[in-house]
PDB file of all heavy atoms in Angstrom:
ATOM      1  N   GLY A   1     -17.992 127.379   6.182  1.00  0.00           N
ATOM      2  CA  GLY A   1     -17.292 127.839   7.356  1.00  0.00           C
ATOM      3  C   GLY A   1     -17.778 129.211   7.734  1.00  0.00           C
ATOM      4  O   GLY A   1     -17.964 129.519   8.929  1.00  0.00           O
ATOM      5  N   GLY A   2     -17.893 130.087   6.712  1.00  0.00           N
ATOM      6  CA  GLY A   2     -18.507 131.465   7.042  1.00  0.00           C
ATOM      7  C   GLY A   2     -19.896 131.405   7.558  1.00  0.00           C
ATOM      8  O   GLY A   2     -20.219 132.146   8.499  1.00  0.00           O
ATOM      9  N   PHE A   3     -20.742 130.504   7.006  1.00  0.00           N
ATOM     10  CA  PHE A   3     -22.093 130.389   7.468  1.00  0.00           C
ATOM     11  C   PHE A   3     -22.047 130.029   8.928  1.00  0.00           C
ATOM     12  O   PHE A   3     -22.780 130.669   9.781  1.00  0.00           O
ATOM     13  CB  PHE A   3     -22.834 129.305   6.637  1.00  0.00           C
ATOM     14  CG  PHE A   3     -24.244 129.073   7.104  1.00  0.00           C
ATOM     15  CD1 PHE A   3     -25.261 129.825   6.506  1.00  0.00           C
ATOM     16  CD2 PHE A   3     -24.547 128.230   8.152  1.00  0.00           C
ATOM     17  CE1 PHE A   3     -26.600 129.641   6.922  1.00  0.00           C
ATOM     18  CE2 PHE A   3     -25.853 128.066   8.530  1.00  0.00           C
ATOM     19  CZ  PHE A   3     -26.855 128.758   7.944  1.00  0.00           C
ATOM     20  N   LEU A   4     -21.274 128.971   9.334  1.00  0.00           N
ATOM     21  CA  LEU A   4     -21.265 128.555  10.739  1.00  0.00           C
ATOM     22  C   LEU A   4     -20.638 129.600  11.646  1.00  0.00           C
ATOM     23  O   LEU A   4     -21.183 129.855  12.737  1.00  0.00           O
ATOM     24  CB  LEU A   4     -20.488 127.220  10.795  1.00  0.00           C
ATOM     25  CG  LEU A   4     -21.171 126.052  10.169  1.00  0.00           C
ATOM     26  CD1 LEU A   4     -20.248 124.799  10.150  1.00  0.00           C
ATOM     27  CD2 LEU A   4     -22.500 125.709  10.871  1.00  0.00           C
ATOM     28  N   ALA A   5     -19.495 130.188  11.246  1.00  0.00           N
ATOM     29  CA  ALA A   5     -18.790 131.077  12.102  1.00  0.00           C
ATOM     30  C   ALA A   5     -19.598 132.359  12.315  1.00  0.00           C
ATOM     31  O   ALA A   5     -19.820 132.826  13.461  1.00  0.00           O
ATOM     32  CB  ALA A   5     -17.463 131.431  11.530  1.00  0.00           C
ATOM     33  N   MET A   6     -20.050 132.975  11.249  1.00  0.00           N
ATOM     34  CA  MET A   6     -20.828 134.242  11.380  1.00  0.00           C
ATOM     35  C   MET A   6     -22.226 134.072  11.806  1.00  0.00           C
ATOM     36  O   MET A   6     -22.798 134.912  12.563  1.00  0.00           O
ATOM     37  CB  MET A   6     -20.713 135.046  10.075  1.00  0.00           C
ATOM     38  CG  MET A   6     -19.306 135.452   9.759  1.00  0.00           C
ATOM     39  SD  MET A   6     -18.436 136.354  11.074  1.00  0.00           S
ATOM     40  CE  MET A   6     -16.778 135.786  10.826  1.00  0.00           C
ATOM     41  N   GLY A   7     -22.841 132.966  11.450  1.00  0.00           N
ATOM     42  CA  GLY A   7     -24.154 132.628  11.949  1.00  0.00           C
ATOM     43  C   GLY A   7     -24.120 132.358  13.461  1.00  0.00           C
ATOM     44  O   GLY A   7     -25.001 132.806  14.212  1.00  0.00           O
ATOM     45  N   GLY A   8     -23.069 131.625  13.863  1.00  0.00           N
ATOM     46  CA  GLY A   8     -22.886 131.353  15.293  1.00  0.00           C
ATOM     47  C   GLY A   8     -22.669 132.665  16.116  1.00  0.00           C
ATOM     48  O   GLY A   8     -23.209 132.806  17.182  1.00  0.00           O
ATOM     49  N   TRP A   9     -21.921 133.595  15.502  1.00  0.00           N
ATOM     50  CA  TRP A   9     -21.686 134.872  16.161  1.00  0.00           C
ATOM     51  C   TRP A   9     -23.038 135.562  16.329  1.00  0.00           C
ATOM     52  O   TRP A   9     -23.338 136.182  17.396  1.00  0.00           O
ATOM     53  CB  TRP A   9     -20.754 135.757  15.427  1.00  0.00           C
ATOM     54  CG  TRP A   9     -20.782 137.215  15.874  1.00  0.00           C
ATOM     55  CD1 TRP A   9     -21.362 138.249  15.241  1.00  0.00           C
ATOM     56  CD2 TRP A   9     -20.346 137.636  17.139  1.00  0.00           C
ATOM     57  NE1 TRP A   9     -21.329 139.358  16.063  1.00  0.00           N
ATOM     58  CE2 TRP A   9     -20.703 139.037  17.226  1.00  0.00           C
ATOM     59  CE3 TRP A   9     -19.716 137.083  18.266  1.00  0.00           C
ATOM     60  CZ2 TRP A   9     -20.432 139.794  18.331  1.00  0.00           C
ATOM     61  CZ3 TRP A   9     -19.416 137.884  19.357  1.00  0.00           C
ATOM     62  CH2 TRP A   9     -19.728 139.259  19.401  1.00  0.00           C
ATOM     63  N   ALA A  10     -23.804 135.528  15.319  1.00  0.00           N
ATOM     64  CA  ALA A  10     -25.138 136.288  15.358  1.00  0.00           C
ATOM     65  C   ALA A  10     -26.051 135.692  16.440  1.00  0.00           C
ATOM     66  O   ALA A  10     -26.764 136.368  17.147  1.00  0.00           O
ATOM     67  CB  ALA A  10     -25.827 136.262  14.067  1.00  0.00           C
ATOM     68  N   VAL A  11     -26.021 134.329  16.561  1.00  0.00           N
ATOM     69  CA  VAL A  11     -26.781 133.686  17.668  1.00  0.00           C
ATOM     70  C   VAL A  11     -26.227 134.185  19.005  1.00  0.00           C
ATOM     71  O   VAL A  11     -27.085 134.579  19.913  1.00  0.00           O
ATOM     72  CB  VAL A  11     -26.684 132.185  17.552  1.00  0.00           C
ATOM     73  CG1 VAL A  11     -27.303 131.491  18.801  1.00  0.00           C
ATOM     74  CG2 VAL A  11     -27.374 131.664  16.322  1.00  0.00           C
ATOM     75  N   PHE A  12     -24.972 134.204  19.194  1.00  0.00           N
ATOM     76  CA  PHE A  12     -24.307 134.700  20.470  1.00  0.00           C
ATOM     77  C   PHE A  12     -24.717 136.135  20.723  1.00  0.00           C
ATOM     78  O   PHE A  12     -25.040 136.532  21.827  1.00  0.00           O
ATOM     79  CB  PHE A  12     -22.806 134.491  20.384  1.00  0.00           C
ATOM     80  CG  PHE A  12     -22.165 134.993  21.546  1.00  0.00           C
ATOM     81  CD1 PHE A  12     -22.118 134.271  22.791  1.00  0.00           C
ATOM     82  CD2 PHE A  12     -21.437 136.192  21.490  1.00  0.00           C
ATOM     83  CE1 PHE A  12     -21.433 134.757  23.892  1.00  0.00           C
ATOM     84  CE2 PHE A  12     -20.782 136.692  22.612  1.00  0.00           C
ATOM     85  CZ  PHE A  12     -20.802 136.019  23.859  1.00  0.00           C
ATOM     86  N   ALA A  13     -24.587 136.960  19.670  1.00  0.00           N
ATOM     87  CA  ALA A  13     -24.874 138.392  19.843  1.00  0.00           C
ATOM     88  C   ALA A  13     -26.312 138.721  20.268  1.00  0.00           C
ATOM     89  O   ALA A  13     -26.577 139.762  20.848  1.00  0.00           O
ATOM     90  CB  ALA A  13     -24.487 139.196  18.589  1.00  0.00           C
ATOM     91  N   ASN A  14     -27.195 137.822  19.919  1.00  0.00           N
ATOM     92  CA  ASN A  14     -28.660 137.995  20.228  1.00  0.00           C
ATOM     93  C   ASN A  14     -29.143 137.064  21.282  1.00  0.00           C
ATOM     94  O   ASN A  14     -30.374 136.943  21.502  1.00  0.00           O
ATOM     95  CB  ASN A  14     -29.431 137.820  18.938  1.00  0.00           C
ATOM     96  CG  ASN A  14     -29.154 138.936  17.983  1.00  0.00           C
ATOM     97  OD1 ASN A  14     -29.783 140.026  18.070  1.00  0.00           O
ATOM     98  ND2 ASN A  14     -28.261 138.713  16.969  1.00  0.00           N
ATOM     99  N   ALA A  15     -28.226 136.398  22.023  1.00  0.00           N
ATOM    100  CA  ALA A  15     -28.592 135.338  23.004  1.00  0.00           C
ATOM    101  C   ALA A  15     -29.463 135.884  24.157  1.00  0.00           C
ATOM    102  O   ALA A  15     -30.204 135.114  24.771  1.00  0.00           O
ATOM    103  CB  ALA A  15     -27.371 134.636  23.529  1.00  0.00           C
ATOM    104  N   ALA A  16     -29.396 137.154  24.447  1.00  0.00           N
ATOM    105  CA  ALA A  16     -30.224 137.741  25.568  1.00  0.00           C
ATOM    106  C   ALA A  16     -31.667 137.834  25.198  1.00  0.00           C
ATOM    107  O   ALA A  16     -32.488 138.150  26.061  1.00  0.00           O
ATOM    108  CB  ALA A  16     -29.619 139.065  25.985  1.00  0.00           C
ATOM    109  N   HIS A  17     -31.997 137.627  23.959  1.00  0.00           N
ATOM    110  CA  HIS A  17     -33.385 137.781  23.549  1.00  0.00           C
ATOM    111  C   HIS A  17     -34.071 136.455  23.495  1.00  0.00           C
ATOM    112  O   HIS A  17     -33.405 135.403  23.321  1.00  0.00           O
ATOM    113  CB  HIS A  17     -33.462 138.525  22.170  1.00  0.00           C
ATOM    114  CG  HIS A  17     -32.873 139.896  22.256  1.00  0.00           C
ATOM    115  ND1 HIS A  17     -33.657 141.036  22.602  1.00  0.00           N
ATOM    116  CD2 HIS A  17     -31.669 140.381  22.107  1.00  0.00           C
ATOM    117  CE1 HIS A  17     -32.936 142.041  22.679  1.00  0.00           C
ATOM    118  NE2 HIS A  17     -31.677 141.677  22.381  1.00  0.00           N
ATOM    119  N   PRO A  18     -35.431 136.390  23.562  1.00  0.00           N
ATOM    120  CA  PRO A  18     -36.149 135.202  23.564  1.00  0.00           C
ATOM    121  C   PRO A  18     -36.039 134.381  22.240  1.00  0.00           C
ATOM    122  O   PRO A  18     -35.873 134.964  21.169  1.00  0.00           O
ATOM    123  CB  PRO A  18     -37.572 135.528  23.902  1.00  0.00           C
ATOM    124  CG  PRO A  18     -37.671 136.975  23.506  1.00  0.00           C
ATOM    125  CD  PRO A  18     -36.301 137.581  23.668  1.00  0.00           C
ATOM    126  N   MET A  19     -36.091 133.122  22.332  1.00  0.00           N
ATOM    127  CA  MET A  19     -36.108 132.283  21.120  1.00  0.00           C
ATOM    128  C   MET A  19     -37.393 132.589  20.388  1.00  0.00           C
ATOM    129  O   MET A  19     -38.392 132.902  21.001  1.00  0.00           O
ATOM    130  CB  MET A  19     -36.002 130.818  21.412  1.00  0.00           C
ATOM    131  CG  MET A  19     -34.682 130.381  21.931  1.00  0.00           C
ATOM    132  SD  MET A  19     -33.479 130.565  20.570  1.00  0.00           S
ATOM    133  CE  MET A  19     -32.029 130.024  21.398  1.00  0.00           C
ATOM    134  N   PRO A  20     -37.417 132.542  19.076  1.00  0.00           N
ATOM    135  CA  PRO A  20     -36.384 132.084  18.200  1.00  0.00           C
ATOM    136  C   PRO A  20     -35.516 133.178  17.629  1.00  0.00           C
ATOM    137  O   PRO A  20     -34.794 132.990  16.665  1.00  0.00           O
ATOM    138  CB  PRO A  20     -37.188 131.407  17.036  1.00  0.00           C
ATOM    139  CG  PRO A  20     -38.388 132.309  16.946  1.00  0.00           C
ATOM    140  CD  PRO A  20     -38.691 132.723  18.369  1.00  0.00           C
ATOM    141  N   GLU A  21     -35.558 134.406  18.181  1.00  0.00           N
ATOM    142  CA  GLU A  21     -34.825 135.531  17.627  1.00  0.00           C
ATOM    143  C   GLU A  21     -33.335 135.283  17.408  1.00  0.00           C
ATOM    144  O   GLU A  21     -32.791 135.579  16.390  1.00  0.00           O
ATOM    145  CB  GLU A  21     -35.060 136.793  18.496  1.00  0.00           C
ATOM    146  CG  GLU A  21     -36.492 137.317  18.338  1.00  0.00           C
ATOM    147  CD  GLU A  21     -36.778 138.507  19.295  1.00  0.00           C
ATOM    148  OE1 GLU A  21     -36.056 138.682  20.284  1.00  0.00           O
ATOM    149  OE2 GLU A  21     -37.745 139.277  19.017  1.00  0.00           O
ATOM    150  N   PRO A  22     -32.599 134.693  18.408  1.00  0.00           N
ATOM    151  CA  PRO A  22     -31.203 134.445  18.172  1.00  0.00           C
ATOM    152  C   PRO A  22     -30.993 133.460  16.998  1.00  0.00           C
ATOM    153  O   PRO A  22     -30.032 133.671  16.179  1.00  0.00           O
ATOM    154  CB  PRO A  22     -30.715 133.836  19.477  1.00  0.00           C
ATOM    155  CG  PRO A  22     -31.667 134.318  20.509  1.00  0.00           C
ATOM    156  CD  PRO A  22     -32.992 134.360  19.774  1.00  0.00           C
ATOM    157  N   VAL A  23     -31.818 132.451  16.869  1.00  0.00           N
ATOM    158  CA  VAL A  23     -31.630 131.457  15.810  1.00  0.00           C
ATOM    159  C   VAL A  23     -31.979 132.104  14.418  1.00  0.00           C
ATOM    160  O   VAL A  23     -31.202 131.851  13.476  1.00  0.00           O
ATOM    161  CB  VAL A  23     -32.557 130.247  16.040  1.00  0.00           C
ATOM    162  CG1 VAL A  23     -32.547 129.272  14.864  1.00  0.00           C
ATOM    163  CG2 VAL A  23     -32.103 129.489  17.350  1.00  0.00           C
ATOM    164  N   ILE A  24     -32.967 132.927  14.382  1.00  0.00           N
ATOM    165  CA  ILE A  24     -33.289 133.612  13.127  1.00  0.00           C
ATOM    166  C   ILE A  24     -32.143 134.550  12.741  1.00  0.00           C
ATOM    167  O   ILE A  24     -31.741 134.575  11.548  1.00  0.00           O
ATOM    168  CB  ILE A  24     -34.632 134.408  13.283  1.00  0.00           C
ATOM    169  CG1 ILE A  24     -35.821 133.420  13.386  1.00  0.00           C
ATOM    170  CG2 ILE A  24     -34.829 135.312  12.049  1.00  0.00           C
ATOM    171  CD1 ILE A  24     -37.107 134.061  13.728  1.00  0.00           C
ATOM    172  N   ALA A  25     -31.638 135.284  13.658  1.00  0.00           N
ATOM    173  CA  ALA A  25     -30.481 136.137  13.381  1.00  0.00           C
ATOM    174  C   ALA A  25     -29.328 135.312  12.877  1.00  0.00           C
ATOM    175  O   ALA A  25     -28.619 135.746  11.909  1.00  0.00           O
ATOM    176  CB  ALA A  25     -30.066 136.940  14.625  1.00  0.00           C
ATOM    177  N   GLY A  26     -29.046 134.175  13.487  1.00  0.00           N
ATOM    178  CA  GLY A  26     -27.997 133.340  13.049  1.00  0.00           C
ATOM    179  C   GLY A  26     -28.203 132.744  11.630  1.00  0.00           C
ATOM    180  O   GLY A  26     -27.222 132.746  10.837  1.00  0.00           O
ATOM    181  N   LEU A  27     -29.341 132.323  11.375  1.00  0.00           N
ATOM    182  CA  LEU A  27     -29.628 131.871   9.972  1.00  0.00           C
ATOM    183  C   LEU A  27     -29.541 132.943   8.954  1.00  0.00           C
ATOM    184  O   LEU A  27     -28.966 132.744   7.824  1.00  0.00           O
ATOM    185  CB  LEU A  27     -31.067 131.211   9.961  1.00  0.00           C
ATOM    186  CG  LEU A  27     -31.208 129.924  10.735  1.00  0.00           C
ATOM    187  CD1 LEU A  27     -32.649 129.450  10.752  1.00  0.00           C
ATOM    188  CD2 LEU A  27     -30.331 128.839  10.181  1.00  0.00           C
ATOM    189  N   VAL A  28     -30.064 134.130   9.280  1.00  0.00           N
ATOM    190  CA  VAL A  28     -29.951 135.256   8.340  1.00  0.00           C
ATOM    191  C   VAL A  28     -28.523 135.625   8.118  1.00  0.00           C
ATOM    192  O   VAL A  28     -28.041 135.772   6.979  1.00  0.00           O
ATOM    193  CB  VAL A  28     -30.711 136.478   8.900  1.00  0.00           C
ATOM    194  CG1 VAL A  28     -30.422 137.779   8.133  1.00  0.00           C
ATOM    195  CG2 VAL A  28     -32.223 136.179   8.842  1.00  0.00           C
ATOM    196  N   GLN A  29     -27.756 135.770   9.199  1.00  0.00           N
ATOM    197  CA  GLN A  29     -26.297 136.131   9.024  1.00  0.00           C
ATOM    198  C   GLN A  29     -25.491 135.070   8.341  1.00  0.00           C
ATOM    199  O   GLN A  29     -24.689 135.367   7.468  1.00  0.00           O
ATOM    200  CB  GLN A  29     -25.642 136.443  10.371  1.00  0.00           C
ATOM    201  CG  GLN A  29     -24.209 136.984  10.238  1.00  0.00           C
ATOM    202  CD  GLN A  29     -24.151 138.210   9.377  1.00  0.00           C
ATOM    203  OE1 GLN A  29     -24.851 139.197   9.649  1.00  0.00           O
ATOM    204  NE2 GLN A  29     -23.214 138.166   8.423  1.00  0.00           N
ATOM    205  N   GLY A  30     -25.763 133.855   8.662  1.00  0.00           N
ATOM    206  CA  GLY A  30     -25.039 132.733   7.991  1.00  0.00           C
ATOM    207  C   GLY A  30     -25.331 132.744   6.503  1.00  0.00           C
ATOM    208  O   GLY A  30     -24.412 132.645   5.669  1.00  0.00           O
ATOM    209  N   ALA A  31     -26.581 132.893   6.111  1.00  0.00           N
ATOM    210  CA  ALA A  31     -26.913 132.859   4.742  1.00  0.00           C
ATOM    211  C   ALA A  31     -26.367 134.101   3.997  1.00  0.00           C
ATOM    212  O   ALA A  31     -25.831 133.977   2.892  1.00  0.00           O
ATOM    213  CB  ALA A  31     -28.459 132.828   4.603  1.00  0.00           C
ATOM    214  N   MET A  32     -26.381 135.282   4.644  1.00  0.00           N
ATOM    215  CA  MET A  32     -25.851 136.459   3.983  1.00  0.00           C
ATOM    216  C   MET A  32     -24.359 136.411   3.875  1.00  0.00           C
ATOM    217  O   MET A  32     -23.792 136.882   2.860  1.00  0.00           O
ATOM    218  CB  MET A  32     -26.271 137.714   4.783  1.00  0.00           C
ATOM    219  CG  MET A  32     -27.775 137.977   4.697  1.00  0.00           C
ATOM    220  SD  MET A  32     -28.449 138.181   3.010  1.00  0.00           S
ATOM    221  CE  MET A  32     -27.463 139.509   2.398  1.00  0.00           C
ATOM    222  N   THR A  33     -23.712 135.818   4.830  1.00  0.00           N
ATOM    223  CA  THR A  33     -22.231 135.618   4.780  1.00  0.00           C
ATOM    224  C   THR A  33     -21.873 134.791   3.555  1.00  0.00           C
ATOM    225  O   THR A  33     -20.963 135.102   2.771  1.00  0.00           O
ATOM    226  CB  THR A  33     -21.661 135.006   6.050  1.00  0.00           C
ATOM    227  OG1 THR A  33     -21.911 135.931   7.134  1.00  0.00           O
ATOM    228  CG2 THR A  33     -20.208 134.713   5.933  1.00  0.00           C
ATOM    229  N   ALA A  34     -22.608 133.673   3.362  1.00  0.00           N
ATOM    230  CA  ALA A  34     -22.353 132.804   2.230  1.00  0.00           C
ATOM    231  C   ALA A  34     -22.566 133.520   0.873  1.00  0.00           C
ATOM    232  O   ALA A  34     -21.746 133.447   0.002  1.00  0.00           O
ATOM    233  CB  ALA A  34     -23.211 131.595   2.305  1.00  0.00           C
ATOM    234  N   VAL A  35     -23.667 134.314   0.764  1.00  0.00           N
ATOM    235  CA  VAL A  35     -23.935 135.032  -0.413  1.00  0.00           C
ATOM    236  C   VAL A  35     -22.902 136.140  -0.688  1.00  0.00           C
ATOM    237  O   VAL A  35     -22.390 136.267  -1.839  1.00  0.00           O
ATOM    238  CB  VAL A  35     -25.382 135.631  -0.368  1.00  0.00           C
ATOM    239  CG1 VAL A  35     -25.594 136.599  -1.507  1.00  0.00           C
ATOM    240  CG2 VAL A  35     -26.380 134.511  -0.337  1.00  0.00           C
TER     241      VAL A  35
END
């Protein structure tokens, strides 16, 4: 749940930037939230 919620927030927070930056930010944040 933390991975999805906080990873999703990171994608949203970086949505103004070109792909894949928002997705990478989301994966990084999701993984770090879990850890």
